[in-house]
Amino acid sequence: MESQEYTKLYNEEDKAILKIAEDSLNPKIDRVSEIIAYCHEAGIKKVGIANCIAFEKQAESLEQILTLNNIEVAKANCKLGKVKFDDLVPGYKGISCNPAGQADFLSQNKTELNIMMGLCVGHDMIFNSKSKVPVTPLVVKDRKLKHHTLTALNTEKE
C-alpha cells in the first residue's frame, strides 16, 4: 500500500489524537507524566482508570497524581458488581472479572480517556472493545515477569 492509501485510514479524530500526542511528546518524562501532558494538551478534564484488583494500591496512587494535576478521575476495578462467573460462563466458580462493566461504568461517568492497568489477557480486549473513549495502557499484567514483559523480549535466546 502506498503512503496516500494509508492516510485514508485515518479519520479526523485519529488525526487529532496523533497531533496532540506529537505536541505533548517529551522523551525526558515518564509514562504517567506523558499521559498528564497529553490530557492537558487535549483539554481532557476527566480520566477513567480500569484496573485489576491486584493493582488497587497503584491505581489509588495514580488517582492521587492525576488529581494533583487537575484531572478528575473515575476508577473501576475488575471485580465491579461482583458478577458471578457462573452467570457468564456456566460451570465456572467464583466472582468474574467484569471488563464490560468497567467500560460501562467509566462511560456513565463521562470519562474522556481511559487508562488500563493490569487487566488480564482477554479482559483487556473486552475492555478496549467496549470503551467509548480512547484507551491507553499503563501496566500490562505479566505474572511470571512481575509485569516487566519486555524482559522476555530483551533476553537473548540460547
N, C-alpha and C. Protein backbone atom coordinates (compact mmCIF):
# COMPACT_ATOMS: atom_id res chain seq x y z
N MET A 1 0.84 -1.18 0.00
CA MET A 1 0.00 0.00 0.00
C MET A 1 0.89 1.25 0.00
N GLU A 2 0.50 2.23 -0.76
CA GLU A 2 1.24 3.49 -0.84
C GLU A 2 0.87 4.40 0.33
N SER A 3 1.72 5.36 0.59
CA SER A 3 1.51 6.30 1.70
C SER A 3 0.14 6.96 1.65
N GLN A 4 -0.28 7.41 0.49
CA GLN A 4 -1.57 8.09 0.36
C GLN A 4 -2.73 7.16 0.70
N GLU A 5 -2.58 5.89 0.39
CA GLU A 5 -3.62 4.93 0.72
C GLU A 5 -3.73 4.73 2.23
N TYR A 6 -2.59 4.75 2.91
CA TYR A 6 -2.61 4.63 4.37
C TYR A 6 -3.26 5.85 5.02
N THR A 7 -3.02 7.02 4.48
CA THR A 7 -3.60 8.22 5.10
C THR A 7 -5.12 8.20 5.07
N LYS A 8 -5.70 7.47 4.14
CA LYS A 8 -7.15 7.37 4.06
C LYS A 8 -7.73 6.55 5.21
N LEU A 9 -6.89 5.82 5.92
CA LEU A 9 -7.33 5.00 7.05
C LEU A 9 -7.66 5.84 8.29
N TYR A 10 -7.24 7.11 8.31
CA TYR A 10 -7.38 7.97 9.48
C TYR A 10 -8.53 8.94 9.32
N ASN A 11 -9.41 8.97 10.36
CA ASN A 11 -10.46 9.98 10.36
C ASN A 11 -9.95 11.22 11.10
N GLU A 12 -10.77 12.24 11.20
CA GLU A 12 -10.34 13.49 11.83
C GLU A 12 -10.01 13.32 13.31
N GLU A 13 -10.76 12.46 14.00
CA GLU A 13 -10.47 12.20 15.42
C GLU A 13 -9.10 11.54 15.57
N ASP A 14 -8.80 10.58 14.69
CA ASP A 14 -7.48 9.92 14.72
C ASP A 14 -6.36 10.94 14.51
N LYS A 15 -6.55 11.82 13.54
CA LYS A 15 -5.54 12.83 13.23
C LYS A 15 -5.34 13.78 14.41
N ALA A 16 -6.43 14.12 15.09
CA ALA A 16 -6.32 15.00 16.26
C ALA A 16 -5.51 14.30 17.36
N ILE A 17 -5.76 13.01 17.58
CA ILE A 17 -5.02 12.25 18.58
C ILE A 17 -3.53 12.23 18.23
N LEU A 18 -3.21 11.99 16.96
CA LEU A 18 -1.81 11.99 16.52
C LEU A 18 -1.14 13.34 16.76
N LYS A 19 -1.86 14.41 16.46
CA LYS A 19 -1.30 15.77 16.64
C LYS A 19 -1.05 16.06 18.12
N ILE A 20 -2.02 15.76 18.95
CA ILE A 20 -1.88 16.02 20.39
C ILE A 20 -0.74 15.18 20.96
N ALA A 21 -0.64 13.92 20.54
CA ALA A 21 0.45 13.05 21.01
C ALA A 21 1.80 13.63 20.62
N GLU A 22 1.90 14.12 19.40
CA GLU A 22 3.16 14.71 18.93
C GLU A 22 3.48 16.00 19.68
N ASP A 23 2.45 16.83 19.90
CA ASP A 23 2.66 18.11 20.58
C ASP A 23 3.00 17.95 22.06
N SER A 24 2.60 16.84 22.66
CA SER A 24 2.87 16.63 24.09
C SER A 24 4.05 15.68 24.33
N LEU A 25 4.68 15.23 23.26
CA LEU A 25 5.80 14.30 23.35
C LEU A 25 7.00 14.93 24.06
N ASN A 26 7.51 14.22 25.04
CA ASN A 26 8.71 14.65 25.75
C ASN A 26 9.45 13.40 26.21
N PRO A 27 10.53 13.03 25.53
CA PRO A 27 11.24 11.80 25.87
C PRO A 27 11.93 11.83 27.24
N LYS A 28 11.88 12.96 27.91
CA LYS A 28 12.56 13.08 29.21
C LYS A 28 11.60 12.86 30.39
N ILE A 29 10.34 12.50 30.10
CA ILE A 29 9.39 12.27 31.18
C ILE A 29 8.88 10.84 31.14
N ASP A 30 8.37 10.37 32.29
CA ASP A 30 7.86 9.01 32.39
C ASP A 30 6.45 8.91 31.78
N ARG A 31 5.94 7.71 31.69
CA ARG A 31 4.65 7.46 31.04
C ARG A 31 3.49 8.18 31.74
N VAL A 32 3.46 8.16 33.06
CA VAL A 32 2.38 8.85 33.79
C VAL A 32 2.43 10.34 33.47
N SER A 33 3.60 10.93 33.51
CA SER A 33 3.74 12.36 33.19
C SER A 33 3.36 12.63 31.74
N GLU A 34 3.66 11.69 30.86
CA GLU A 34 3.31 11.83 29.45
C GLU A 34 1.78 11.81 29.27
N ILE A 35 1.10 10.95 30.01
CA ILE A 35 -0.37 10.91 29.95
C ILE A 35 -0.94 12.22 30.46
N ILE A 36 -0.38 12.75 31.53
CA ILE A 36 -0.84 14.04 32.07
C ILE A 36 -0.62 15.16 31.05
N ALA A 37 0.55 15.17 30.43
CA ALA A 37 0.83 16.19 29.41
C ALA A 37 -0.15 16.06 28.25
N TYR A 38 -0.44 14.84 27.85
CA TYR A 38 -1.41 14.60 26.77
C TYR A 38 -2.78 15.16 27.17
N CYS A 39 -3.20 14.85 28.38
CA CYS A 39 -4.51 15.34 28.86
C CYS A 39 -4.57 16.86 28.85
N HIS A 40 -3.54 17.50 29.34
CA HIS A 40 -3.51 18.96 29.36
C HIS A 40 -3.53 19.53 27.94
N GLU A 41 -2.75 18.95 27.05
CA GLU A 41 -2.70 19.41 25.65
C GLU A 41 -4.05 19.22 24.97
N ALA A 42 -4.73 18.12 25.30
CA ALA A 42 -6.02 17.80 24.66
C ALA A 42 -7.21 18.48 25.35
N GLY A 43 -6.96 19.08 26.51
CA GLY A 43 -8.07 19.68 27.26
C GLY A 43 -8.93 18.64 27.96
N ILE A 44 -8.37 17.46 28.19
CA ILE A 44 -9.11 16.38 28.87
C ILE A 44 -9.18 16.69 30.36
N LYS A 45 -10.39 16.70 30.88
CA LYS A 45 -10.62 17.03 32.29
C LYS A 45 -10.93 15.81 33.15
N LYS A 46 -11.42 14.72 32.52
CA LYS A 46 -11.83 13.54 33.30
C LYS A 46 -11.29 12.27 32.66
N VAL A 47 -10.59 11.49 33.47
CA VAL A 47 -9.94 10.26 33.03
C VAL A 47 -10.50 9.08 33.82
N GLY A 48 -10.64 7.96 33.14
CA GLY A 48 -11.05 6.73 33.81
C GLY A 48 -9.85 5.83 34.03
N ILE A 49 -9.88 5.11 35.13
CA ILE A 49 -8.87 4.10 35.41
C ILE A 49 -9.60 2.76 35.53
N ALA A 50 -9.24 1.82 34.66
CA ALA A 50 -9.76 0.45 34.72
C ALA A 50 -8.61 -0.43 35.18
N ASN A 51 -8.70 -0.91 36.40
CA ASN A 51 -7.59 -1.66 36.96
C ASN A 51 -8.00 -3.04 37.45
N CYS A 52 -7.02 -3.93 37.43
CA CYS A 52 -7.16 -5.22 38.08
C CYS A 52 -7.15 -4.96 39.58
N ILE A 53 -7.90 -5.75 40.33
CA ILE A 53 -7.94 -5.60 41.78
C ILE A 53 -6.55 -5.75 42.40
N ALA A 54 -5.67 -6.52 41.75
CA ALA A 54 -4.30 -6.71 42.24
C ALA A 54 -3.49 -5.42 42.15
N PHE A 55 -3.97 -4.44 41.37
CA PHE A 55 -3.27 -3.16 41.20
C PHE A 55 -4.02 -2.03 41.89
N GLU A 56 -4.83 -2.36 42.88
CA GLU A 56 -5.67 -1.35 43.54
C GLU A 56 -4.82 -0.24 44.17
N LYS A 57 -3.75 -0.62 44.85
CA LYS A 57 -2.90 0.38 45.51
C LYS A 57 -2.27 1.32 44.48
N GLN A 58 -1.78 0.76 43.38
CA GLN A 58 -1.17 1.57 42.33
C GLN A 58 -2.21 2.45 41.64
N ALA A 59 -3.42 1.94 41.48
CA ALA A 59 -4.50 2.74 40.88
C ALA A 59 -4.85 3.93 41.78
N GLU A 60 -4.83 3.71 43.08
CA GLU A 60 -5.08 4.80 44.02
C GLU A 60 -3.97 5.85 43.93
N SER A 61 -2.73 5.40 43.81
CA SER A 61 -1.61 6.34 43.65
C SER A 61 -1.76 7.14 42.36
N LEU A 62 -2.13 6.45 41.27
CA LEU A 62 -2.34 7.15 40.01
C LEU A 62 -3.46 8.17 40.13
N GLU A 63 -4.54 7.79 40.80
CA GLU A 63 -5.66 8.71 41.00
C GLU A 63 -5.18 9.97 41.74
N GLN A 64 -4.38 9.80 42.78
CA GLN A 64 -3.86 10.96 43.53
C GLN A 64 -3.00 11.85 42.63
N ILE A 65 -2.13 11.24 41.84
CA ILE A 65 -1.25 12.01 40.95
C ILE A 65 -2.07 12.79 39.93
N LEU A 66 -3.05 12.13 39.31
CA LEU A 66 -3.88 12.81 38.32
C LEU A 66 -4.67 13.95 38.96
N THR A 67 -5.22 13.70 40.13
CA THR A 67 -6.00 14.72 40.84
C THR A 67 -5.13 15.93 41.16
N LEU A 68 -3.90 15.69 41.59
CA LEU A 68 -2.97 16.78 41.89
C LEU A 68 -2.64 17.60 40.64
N ASN A 69 -2.86 16.99 39.47
CA ASN A 69 -2.61 17.67 38.20
C ASN A 69 -3.90 18.17 37.55
N ASN A 70 -4.91 18.39 38.39
CA ASN A 70 -6.19 18.97 37.97
C ASN A 70 -6.94 18.10 36.95
N ILE A 71 -6.85 16.79 37.12
CA ILE A 71 -7.59 15.87 36.27
C ILE A 71 -8.53 15.07 37.18
N GLU A 72 -9.81 15.14 36.89
CA GLU A 72 -10.80 14.38 37.65
C GLU A 72 -10.70 12.91 37.25
N VAL A 73 -10.97 12.02 38.20
CA VAL A 73 -10.79 10.58 37.95
C VAL A 73 -12.05 9.81 38.34
N ALA A 74 -12.41 8.85 37.50
CA ALA A 74 -13.38 7.81 37.84
C ALA A 74 -12.60 6.50 37.76
N LYS A 75 -12.78 5.65 38.77
CA LYS A 75 -11.97 4.44 38.85
C LYS A 75 -12.88 3.23 39.00
N ALA A 76 -12.55 2.14 38.29
CA ALA A 76 -13.33 0.91 38.38
C ALA A 76 -12.39 -0.28 38.39
N ASN A 77 -12.42 -1.06 39.48
CA ASN A 77 -11.59 -2.26 39.48
C ASN A 77 -12.35 -3.41 38.83
N CYS A 78 -11.64 -4.47 38.53
CA CYS A 78 -12.18 -5.57 37.71
C CYS A 78 -13.29 -6.36 38.39
N LYS A 79 -13.44 -6.26 39.67
CA LYS A 79 -14.48 -7.01 40.37
C LYS A 79 -15.76 -6.18 40.56
N LEU A 80 -15.85 -5.09 39.84
CA LEU A 80 -17.02 -4.21 39.87
C LEU A 80 -18.30 -5.02 39.70
N GLY A 81 -19.25 -4.85 40.61
CA GLY A 81 -20.54 -5.51 40.51
C GLY A 81 -20.57 -6.93 41.05
N LYS A 82 -19.42 -7.47 41.41
CA LYS A 82 -19.32 -8.83 41.96
C LYS A 82 -20.14 -9.83 41.13
N VAL A 83 -19.89 -9.84 39.83
CA VAL A 83 -20.60 -10.71 38.90
C VAL A 83 -20.17 -12.16 39.13
N LYS A 84 -21.14 -13.04 39.31
CA LYS A 84 -20.83 -14.47 39.48
C LYS A 84 -20.37 -15.02 38.14
N PHE A 85 -19.22 -15.70 38.15
CA PHE A 85 -18.66 -16.26 36.91
C PHE A 85 -19.66 -17.22 36.26
N ASP A 86 -20.37 -17.99 37.07
CA ASP A 86 -21.34 -18.95 36.57
C ASP A 86 -22.47 -18.27 35.78
N ASP A 87 -22.76 -17.01 36.09
CA ASP A 87 -23.78 -16.27 35.34
C ASP A 87 -23.32 -15.93 33.93
N LEU A 88 -22.00 -15.87 33.72
CA LEU A 88 -21.45 -15.56 32.40
C LEU A 88 -21.05 -16.83 31.66
N VAL A 89 -20.39 -17.72 32.37
CA VAL A 89 -19.91 -18.97 31.77
C VAL A 89 -20.33 -20.11 32.71
N PRO A 90 -21.42 -20.79 32.36
CA PRO A 90 -21.92 -21.86 33.24
C PRO A 90 -20.84 -22.88 33.60
N GLY A 91 -20.84 -23.24 34.87
CA GLY A 91 -19.90 -24.24 35.35
C GLY A 91 -18.65 -23.66 35.97
N TYR A 92 -18.44 -22.34 35.80
CA TYR A 92 -17.26 -21.70 36.39
C TYR A 92 -17.64 -21.11 37.75
N LYS A 93 -16.70 -21.18 38.69
CA LYS A 93 -16.98 -20.73 40.05
C LYS A 93 -16.32 -19.39 40.34
N GLY A 94 -16.81 -18.74 41.38
CA GLY A 94 -16.19 -17.53 41.87
C GLY A 94 -16.77 -16.27 41.26
N ILE A 95 -16.11 -15.18 41.56
CA ILE A 95 -16.51 -13.87 41.06
C ILE A 95 -15.69 -13.59 39.80
N SER A 96 -16.38 -13.25 38.73
CA SER A 96 -15.70 -12.98 37.45
C SER A 96 -15.16 -11.56 37.42
N CYS A 97 -14.12 -11.38 36.65
CA CYS A 97 -13.72 -10.02 36.31
C CYS A 97 -14.81 -9.46 35.40
N ASN A 98 -14.93 -8.15 35.35
CA ASN A 98 -16.05 -7.52 34.67
C ASN A 98 -15.58 -6.37 33.77
N PRO A 99 -14.78 -6.67 32.73
CA PRO A 99 -14.26 -5.58 31.90
C PRO A 99 -15.35 -4.81 31.15
N ALA A 100 -16.43 -5.47 30.74
CA ALA A 100 -17.53 -4.75 30.09
C ALA A 100 -18.19 -3.80 31.08
N GLY A 101 -18.32 -4.26 32.33
CA GLY A 101 -18.88 -3.40 33.38
C GLY A 101 -17.98 -2.21 33.69
N GLN A 102 -16.67 -2.44 33.68
CA GLN A 102 -15.73 -1.34 33.90
C GLN A 102 -15.90 -0.28 32.81
N ALA A 103 -15.96 -0.72 31.56
CA ALA A 103 -16.11 0.22 30.45
C ALA A 103 -17.43 0.97 30.56
N ASP A 104 -18.50 0.26 30.92
CA ASP A 104 -19.81 0.89 31.06
C ASP A 104 -19.81 1.91 32.20
N PHE A 105 -19.22 1.54 33.34
CA PHE A 105 -19.14 2.45 34.49
C PHE A 105 -18.40 3.74 34.11
N LEU A 106 -17.28 3.59 33.43
CA LEU A 106 -16.50 4.77 33.05
C LEU A 106 -17.25 5.60 32.02
N SER A 107 -17.97 4.97 31.14
CA SER A 107 -18.79 5.70 30.16
C SER A 107 -19.89 6.49 30.89
N GLN A 108 -20.54 5.85 31.85
CA GLN A 108 -21.59 6.54 32.62
C GLN A 108 -21.01 7.73 33.40
N ASN A 109 -19.74 7.64 33.75
CA ASN A 109 -19.08 8.73 34.48
C ASN A 109 -18.44 9.75 33.53
N LYS A 110 -18.71 9.59 32.25
CA LYS A 110 -18.32 10.56 31.22
C LYS A 110 -16.82 10.84 31.18
N THR A 111 -16.03 9.76 31.23
CA THR A 111 -14.59 9.94 31.07
C THR A 111 -14.28 10.27 29.62
N GLU A 112 -13.16 10.96 29.43
CA GLU A 112 -12.74 11.37 28.08
C GLU A 112 -11.56 10.55 27.57
N LEU A 113 -10.90 9.84 28.47
CA LEU A 113 -9.77 8.97 28.17
C LEU A 113 -9.75 7.93 29.27
N ASN A 114 -9.48 6.67 28.91
CA ASN A 114 -9.37 5.62 29.92
C ASN A 114 -7.97 5.06 29.96
N ILE A 115 -7.49 4.80 31.17
CA ILE A 115 -6.18 4.20 31.40
C ILE A 115 -6.41 2.79 31.90
N MET A 116 -5.76 1.83 31.26
CA MET A 116 -5.89 0.43 31.62
C MET A 116 -4.67 0.01 32.44
N MET A 117 -4.95 -0.62 33.59
CA MET A 117 -3.87 -1.04 34.49
C MET A 117 -3.99 -2.51 34.85
N GLY A 118 -3.20 -3.35 34.20
CA GLY A 118 -3.05 -4.73 34.62
C GLY A 118 -4.22 -5.64 34.38
N LEU A 119 -5.08 -5.34 33.41
CA LEU A 119 -6.16 -6.28 33.12
C LEU A 119 -5.58 -7.53 32.47
N CYS A 120 -6.20 -8.65 32.74
CA CYS A 120 -5.75 -9.92 32.18
C CYS A 120 -5.91 -9.94 30.66
N VAL A 121 -5.13 -10.82 30.00
CA VAL A 121 -5.31 -11.04 28.56
C VAL A 121 -6.75 -11.49 28.34
N GLY A 122 -7.38 -10.96 27.37
CA GLY A 122 -8.78 -11.26 27.09
C GLY A 122 -9.68 -10.22 27.74
N HIS A 123 -9.48 -10.00 29.03
CA HIS A 123 -10.25 -8.96 29.73
C HIS A 123 -9.89 -7.60 29.15
N ASP A 124 -8.60 -7.41 28.84
CA ASP A 124 -8.17 -6.15 28.22
C ASP A 124 -8.81 -5.96 26.85
N MET A 125 -8.97 -7.06 26.13
CA MET A 125 -9.58 -6.99 24.80
C MET A 125 -11.04 -6.57 24.89
N ILE A 126 -11.75 -7.15 25.85
CA ILE A 126 -13.15 -6.77 26.05
C ILE A 126 -13.25 -5.32 26.47
N PHE A 127 -12.42 -4.91 27.44
CA PHE A 127 -12.46 -3.52 27.89
C PHE A 127 -12.21 -2.55 26.73
N ASN A 128 -11.17 -2.83 25.94
CA ASN A 128 -10.85 -1.96 24.80
C ASN A 128 -12.01 -1.88 23.81
N SER A 129 -12.64 -3.01 23.53
CA SER A 129 -13.72 -3.01 22.54
C SER A 129 -14.98 -2.33 23.06
N LYS A 130 -15.18 -2.33 24.37
CA LYS A 130 -16.39 -1.73 24.96
C LYS A 130 -16.21 -0.27 25.35
N SER A 131 -14.98 0.19 25.50
CA SER A 131 -14.74 1.58 25.90
C SER A 131 -15.22 2.51 24.79
N LYS A 132 -15.93 3.55 25.18
CA LYS A 132 -16.45 4.50 24.19
C LYS A 132 -15.48 5.65 23.94
N VAL A 133 -14.39 5.68 24.69
CA VAL A 133 -13.36 6.71 24.51
C VAL A 133 -12.02 6.01 24.31
N PRO A 134 -11.00 6.73 23.83
CA PRO A 134 -9.69 6.10 23.65
C PRO A 134 -9.14 5.51 24.96
N VAL A 135 -8.38 4.44 24.81
CA VAL A 135 -7.77 3.73 25.94
C VAL A 135 -6.26 3.73 25.75
N THR A 136 -5.54 4.01 26.83
CA THR A 136 -4.09 3.88 26.81
C THR A 136 -3.68 2.93 27.92
N PRO A 137 -2.79 1.97 27.63
CA PRO A 137 -2.34 1.07 28.68
C PRO A 137 -1.24 1.73 29.51
N LEU A 138 -1.27 1.47 30.80
CA LEU A 138 -0.20 1.93 31.67
C LEU A 138 0.61 0.74 32.17
N VAL A 139 -0.08 -0.34 32.53
CA VAL A 139 0.58 -1.54 33.02
C VAL A 139 -0.10 -2.74 32.37
N VAL A 140 0.71 -3.69 31.89
CA VAL A 140 0.14 -4.95 31.43
C VAL A 140 0.49 -6.02 32.45
N LYS A 141 -0.45 -6.93 32.65
CA LYS A 141 -0.24 -7.99 33.63
C LYS A 141 0.67 -9.05 33.04
N ASP A 142 1.73 -9.36 33.77
CA ASP A 142 2.63 -10.45 33.43
C ASP A 142 3.06 -11.06 34.75
N ARG A 143 2.35 -12.07 35.16
CA ARG A 143 2.57 -12.65 36.49
C ARG A 143 4.00 -13.20 36.63
N LYS A 144 4.46 -13.94 35.64
CA LYS A 144 5.78 -14.57 35.74
C LYS A 144 6.89 -13.53 35.84
N LEU A 145 6.81 -12.48 35.02
CA LEU A 145 7.89 -11.49 34.96
C LEU A 145 7.61 -10.26 35.81
N LYS A 146 6.67 -10.38 36.75
CA LYS A 146 6.34 -9.28 37.66
C LYS A 146 6.03 -7.99 36.89
N HIS A 147 5.28 -8.16 35.80
CA HIS A 147 4.76 -7.05 34.98
C HIS A 147 5.84 -6.30 34.20
N HIS A 148 6.96 -6.96 33.99
CA HIS A 148 8.05 -6.43 33.17
C HIS A 148 8.15 -7.27 31.89
N THR A 149 7.14 -7.20 31.07
CA THR A 149 7.01 -8.06 29.90
C THR A 149 8.18 -7.94 28.94
N LEU A 150 8.77 -6.78 28.83
CA LEU A 150 9.89 -6.61 27.91
C LEU A 150 11.07 -7.52 28.23
N THR A 151 11.17 -7.96 29.47
CA THR A 151 12.24 -8.86 29.86
C THR A 151 12.27 -10.08 28.94
N ALA A 152 11.11 -10.60 28.61
CA ALA A 152 11.04 -11.79 27.76
C ALA A 152 11.53 -11.50 26.34
N LEU A 153 11.39 -10.27 25.92
CA LEU A 153 11.79 -9.91 24.56
C LEU A 153 13.23 -9.43 24.47
N ASN A 154 13.76 -8.94 25.57
CA ASN A 154 15.12 -8.41 25.58
C ASN A 154 16.17 -9.48 25.93
N THR A 155 15.74 -10.65 26.35
CA THR A 155 16.64 -11.73 26.74
C THR A 155 17.06 -12.50 25.48
N GLU A 156 18.36 -12.68 25.34
CA GLU A 156 18.85 -13.47 24.21
C GLU A 156 18.49 -14.93 24.42
N LYS A 157 18.00 -15.55 23.38
CA LYS A 157 17.63 -16.97 23.43
C LYS A 157 18.85 -17.82 23.12
N GLU A 158 18.96 -18.93 23.83
CA GLU A 158 20.10 -19.83 23.62
C GLU A 158 19.83 -20.79 22.48
